[in-house]
Amino acid sequence: MIPKINNILYTTGLGSGTPHVFRYALSLAQKYDAKIHIIHGHEPMTPGAQHVADLYMVEGTTGDVYERAIVEIDKRIHERLERLCAKETGSDPQGLERVASITIAKLPPKQAILEEAKKRQVDLIVMGSHRHSVLSDAMLGSTTLKVLHSATIPVLVVRIPDNFQEEGF
């Protein structure tokens, strides 16, 4: 039986390869008449960073400043992803209708991706990967490796070419 792809989760860390990887998700969405759900996860402030902020700010104001900054950052990320979608879907008659959701999660990327995949009941995760050394992967791990080892659905890993740069992103 040939699997049906109805929902695709496109993951992005907003690096230079973002448009390159999005085009794969868009191509699959066009081929299978599927919806794309976009997820970007970012870590909450670490206790160490919180401590440093507390040292240099008026007592009791850190939380408010942090929350306002996060709201502004999330707004900018969302706008950036909307611009990407508009640019890349411009030649597609159904264009932006293919993008069903854009989610900015205040979670570690792996957790954000896996939770969103489950929530949206996606059939495929599409994510990018840069070339890493064996040592860096062994010491730090990458989000892609973590998702590959934990996902219960297929994951398409798109290799981002070395030194990939694109104007306007």
Protein backbone atom coordinates (compact mmCIF):
# COMPACT_ATOMS: atom_id res chain seq x y z
CA MET A 1 0.00 0.00 0.00
CA ILE A 2 1.33 3.42 -0.96
CA PRO A 3 1.28 5.82 2.01
CA LYS A 4 -0.79 8.98 1.72
CA ILE A 5 0.87 12.19 2.81
CA ASN A 6 -1.75 14.66 4.04
CA ASN A 7 0.21 16.72 6.55
CA ILE A 8 3.88 17.67 6.47
CA LEU A 9 5.78 19.20 9.38
CA TYR A 10 8.49 21.55 8.16
CA THR A 11 11.00 22.34 10.89
CA THR A 12 13.31 25.32 10.85
CA GLY A 13 15.96 26.89 13.00
CA LEU A 14 15.92 29.87 10.59
CA GLY A 15 19.45 29.24 9.39
CA SER A 16 20.76 30.07 5.94
CA GLY A 17 19.35 26.83 4.48
CA THR A 18 15.76 27.65 5.43
CA PRO A 19 14.49 28.40 1.87
CA HIS A 20 16.31 25.37 0.42
CA VAL A 21 14.67 22.95 2.84
CA PHE A 22 11.25 24.65 2.63
CA ARG A 23 11.23 24.03 -1.13
CA TYR A 24 11.37 20.28 -0.48
CA ALA A 25 8.40 20.49 1.88
CA LEU A 26 6.52 22.63 -0.65
CA SER A 27 7.31 20.26 -3.52
CA LEU A 28 5.96 17.32 -1.54
CA ALA A 29 2.88 19.31 -0.50
CA GLN A 30 2.18 20.12 -4.15
CA LYS A 31 2.70 16.53 -5.26
CA TYR A 32 0.48 15.01 -2.56
CA ASP A 33 -1.93 17.96 -2.18
CA ALA A 34 -0.85 18.09 1.45
CA LYS A 35 -0.81 20.79 4.10
CA ILE A 36 2.41 22.16 5.57
CA HIS A 37 2.71 22.89 9.27
CA ILE A 38 5.77 24.94 10.24
CA ILE A 39 7.47 24.67 13.62
CA HIS A 40 10.30 26.70 15.11
CA GLY A 41 11.36 25.83 18.65
CA HIS A 42 13.65 27.88 20.83
CA GLU A 43 14.99 27.18 24.26
CA PRO A 44 13.63 29.08 27.25
CA MET A 45 16.12 31.21 29.19
CA THR A 46 18.55 29.04 31.13
CA PRO A 47 18.97 29.56 34.88
CA GLY A 48 22.52 30.82 34.25
CA ALA A 49 21.32 33.45 31.79
CA GLN A 50 18.54 34.40 34.21
CA HIS A 51 21.14 34.89 36.95
CA VAL A 52 23.28 37.16 34.74
CA ALA A 53 20.21 39.22 33.78
CA ASP A 54 19.28 39.58 37.44
CA LEU A 55 22.77 40.93 38.23
CA TYR A 56 22.47 43.82 35.78
CA MET A 57 18.80 44.75 36.01
CA VAL A 58 16.64 46.37 38.63
CA GLU A 59 15.30 43.73 40.97
CA GLY A 60 11.95 42.37 39.91
CA THR A 61 12.03 43.68 36.34
CA THR A 62 13.85 40.80 34.62
CA GLY A 63 10.74 38.70 34.08
CA ASP A 64 8.77 41.54 32.49
CA VAL A 65 11.64 42.57 30.21
CA TYR A 66 12.23 38.94 29.20
CA GLU A 67 8.55 38.30 28.44
CA ARG A 68 8.26 41.48 26.32
CA ALA A 69 11.42 40.52 24.44
CA ILE A 70 10.14 36.99 23.77
CA VAL A 71 6.81 38.33 22.47
CA GLU A 72 8.67 40.68 20.10
CA ILE A 73 11.08 37.96 18.96
CA ASP A 74 8.24 35.50 18.33
CA LYS A 75 6.41 38.16 16.32
CA ARG A 76 9.50 38.78 14.16
CA ILE A 77 10.08 35.04 13.63
CA HIS A 78 6.45 34.59 12.59
CA GLU A 79 6.67 37.52 10.15
CA ARG A 80 9.89 36.14 8.70
CA LEU A 81 8.28 32.75 8.12
CA GLU A 82 5.22 34.37 6.55
CA ARG A 83 7.51 36.26 4.12
CA LEU A 84 9.29 32.99 3.26
CA CYS A 85 5.96 31.28 2.57
CA ALA A 86 4.67 34.15 0.45
CA LYS A 87 7.87 34.27 -1.60
CA GLU A 88 8.16 30.52 -2.14
CA THR A 89 4.49 29.82 -2.85
CA GLY A 90 4.05 32.76 -5.21
CA SER A 91 3.94 30.64 -8.39
CA ASP A 92 1.61 28.03 -6.85
CA PRO A 93 -2.09 28.71 -7.55
CA GLN A 94 -3.01 27.34 -4.11
CA GLY A 95 0.04 29.06 -2.65
CA LEU A 96 -0.39 30.11 0.92
CA GLU A 97 -3.39 27.79 1.36
CA ARG A 98 -0.88 24.93 1.56
CA VAL A 99 0.59 26.41 4.74
CA ALA A 100 -1.86 25.37 7.44
CA SER A 101 -0.01 26.65 10.51
CA ILE A 102 3.07 28.41 11.79
CA THR A 103 4.01 27.64 15.38
CA ILE A 104 6.74 29.25 17.46
CA ALA A 105 7.31 27.05 20.52
CA LYS A 106 9.20 27.99 23.65
CA LEU A 107 10.60 24.49 23.94
CA PRO A 108 13.86 22.78 23.05
CA PRO A 109 13.70 22.14 19.27
CA LYS A 110 13.52 18.33 19.50
CA GLN A 111 10.65 18.49 21.97
CA ALA A 112 8.84 21.18 19.94
CA ILE A 113 9.13 19.12 16.74
CA LEU A 114 7.96 15.84 18.25
CA GLU A 115 5.06 17.43 20.14
CA GLU A 116 3.91 19.38 17.07
CA ALA A 117 4.13 16.25 14.89
CA LYS A 118 1.87 14.41 17.29
CA LYS A 119 -0.52 17.34 17.76
CA ARG A 120 -0.93 17.92 14.00
CA GLN A 121 -0.95 14.19 13.18
CA VAL A 122 1.62 14.70 10.46
CA ASP A 123 2.67 11.99 8.06
CA LEU A 124 6.19 13.28 7.40
CA ILE A 125 8.74 15.56 9.05
CA VAL A 126 10.98 17.61 6.74
CA MET A 127 14.11 19.12 8.24
CA GLY A 128 17.53 20.29 7.15
CA SER A 129 20.98 19.25 8.18
CA HIS A 130 24.43 20.74 7.75
CA ARG A 131 27.49 18.60 7.58
CA HIS A 132 28.83 17.97 11.08
CA SER A 133 31.94 16.25 12.27
CA VAL A 134 31.56 12.93 14.05
CA LEU A 135 33.07 14.49 17.16
CA SER A 136 30.63 17.40 17.29
CA ASP A 137 27.66 15.07 16.81
CA ALA A 138 28.93 12.73 19.50
CA MET A 139 29.51 15.53 22.01
CA LEU A 140 26.60 17.85 21.35
CA GLY A 141 24.23 15.93 19.14
CA SER A 142 22.13 17.75 16.61
CA THR A 143 18.42 18.34 16.57
CA THR A 144 18.19 16.31 13.38
CA LEU A 145 19.83 13.26 14.96
CA LYS A 146 17.68 13.56 18.06
CA VAL A 147 14.49 13.71 15.99
CA LEU A 148 15.63 10.82 13.77
CA HIS A 149 16.17 8.64 16.83
CA SER A 150 12.88 9.60 18.50
CA ALA A 151 10.33 10.09 15.73
CA THR A 152 7.74 7.42 15.07
CA ILE A 153 6.97 8.72 11.57
CA PRO A 154 9.20 9.15 8.51
CA VAL A 155 11.71 12.01 8.54
CA LEU A 156 13.11 13.52 5.35
CA VAL A 157 16.49 15.07 6.05
CA VAL A 158 17.49 17.59 3.40
CA ARG A 159 21.22 18.15 3.17
CA ILE A 160 21.96 21.88 3.06
CA PRO A 161 24.81 22.52 0.64
CA ASP A 162 28.04 23.83 2.14
CA ASN A 163 28.18 27.64 2.18
CA PHE A 164 24.55 27.88 1.02
CA GLN A 165 23.44 31.50 1.02
CA GLU A 166 20.39 33.04 -0.53
CA GLU A 167 19.51 36.66 -1.03
CA GLY A 168 16.54 37.97 0.91
CA PHE A 169 16.54 35.55 3.80
